[in-house]
Structures are given as C-alpha cells and as structure tokens.
Amino acid sequence: MTKEEFVALSLEKYEELQQLNQIGDFYTYEKTFERIWTEFGRQSLEKNIGELPLNAQKKTVFEPDTVK
C-alpha cells in the first residue's frame, strides 16, 4: 500500500466519521464508529498484505507425499 492509497482511504473514512456528528444518541454513534473503524482496519490490512484469493478455501498446490 502506497502512502497515496492510505491517504485516499483515510479521507474516505474521514468523511464517514464526520457524518457521525449528526447522530443524536451515543449508542448509535459508538456502534457506527466501531463499524467504520473495523472496516478501515480491514481494508488497510488487505491492501498491505495483498489481494485476497477468489476462493478462500482453496488450498495451495502441493504434490502429495506418497513416499514413505
């Protein structure tokens, strides 16, 4: 993840965080804040470690160890 990608993602989430100021009750504020923050962390982690495979259950290709 480049610095520019991180800043762009941060700015996108900043706009969502600013919209939280319009929420009246603290429970909804906290719940929405937690969702936004978790999503931001997930997206930045995925960009840092690389793209996810299409099939998460697919195993890596190894030859079977049949020699004993």
Protein backbone atom coordinates (compact mmCIF):
# COMPACT_ATOMS: atom_id res chain seq x y z
CA MET A 1 0.00 0.00 0.00
CA THR A 2 1.41 3.32 -1.01
CA LYS A 3 1.15 6.49 1.01
CA GLU A 4 -1.27 7.93 -1.54
CA GLU A 5 -3.58 4.89 -1.28
CA PHE A 6 -3.56 5.13 2.51
CA VAL A 7 -4.35 8.84 2.47
CA ALA A 8 -7.18 8.30 -0.03
CA LEU A 9 -8.68 5.57 2.15
CA SER A 10 -8.27 7.75 5.25
CA LEU A 11 -10.01 10.67 3.58
CA GLU A 12 -12.89 8.44 2.55
CA LYS A 13 -13.32 7.21 6.12
CA TYR A 14 -12.89 10.76 7.47
CA GLU A 15 -15.98 11.85 5.58
CA GLU A 16 -17.96 8.97 7.11
CA LEU A 17 -16.66 9.86 10.58
CA GLN A 18 -17.72 13.47 10.14
CA GLN A 19 -21.27 12.33 9.40
CA LEU A 20 -21.35 10.74 12.85
CA ASN A 21 -21.65 14.20 14.39
CA GLN A 22 -25.25 14.32 13.19
CA ILE A 23 -26.23 11.27 15.26
CA GLY A 24 -28.10 12.15 18.44
CA ASP A 25 -27.65 9.14 20.73
CA PHE A 26 -24.34 7.77 21.89
CA TYR A 27 -25.18 4.06 21.36
CA THR A 28 -25.76 4.52 17.62
CA TYR A 29 -22.70 6.78 17.40
CA GLU A 30 -20.48 4.18 19.06
CA LYS A 31 -21.88 1.29 17.02
CA THR A 32 -21.42 3.14 13.72
CA PHE A 33 -17.94 4.36 14.72
CA GLU A 34 -16.88 0.79 15.51
CA ARG A 35 -18.17 -0.44 12.13
CA ILE A 36 -16.31 2.32 10.24
CA TRP A 37 -13.08 1.79 12.18
CA THR A 38 -13.15 -2.00 11.74
CA GLU A 39 -13.80 -1.62 8.02
CA PHE A 40 -10.92 0.85 7.73
CA GLY A 41 -8.57 -1.56 9.51
CA ARG A 42 -9.67 -4.48 7.33
CA GLN A 43 -9.24 -2.52 4.11
CA SER A 44 -5.81 -1.18 5.03
CA LEU A 45 -4.63 -4.63 6.16
CA GLU A 46 -5.83 -6.25 2.93
CA LYS A 47 -4.08 -3.62 0.84
CA ASN A 48 -0.84 -4.13 2.79
CA ILE A 49 -0.73 -7.91 2.55
CA GLY A 50 -2.15 -8.17 -0.95
CA GLU A 51 -5.35 -9.11 -2.67
CA LEU A 52 -7.45 -11.94 -1.29
CA PRO A 53 -7.85 -15.06 -3.42
CA LEU A 54 -11.18 -15.60 -5.13
CA ASN A 55 -11.74 -18.84 -3.24
CA ALA A 56 -10.60 -18.57 0.38
CA GLN A 57 -11.00 -22.33 0.90
CA LYS A 58 -8.71 -23.30 -1.98
CA LYS A 59 -5.55 -24.94 -0.75
CA THR A 60 -2.15 -24.24 -2.15
CA VAL A 61 -0.83 -26.63 -4.78
CA PHE A 62 1.45 -29.26 -3.30
CA GLU A 63 2.36 -32.67 -4.59
CA PRO A 64 1.03 -35.41 -2.29
CA ASP A 65 3.63 -37.08 -0.14
CA THR A 66 3.08 -40.70 -1.12
CA VAL A 67 6.63 -41.92 -0.47
CA LYS A 68 7.02 -43.43 2.98
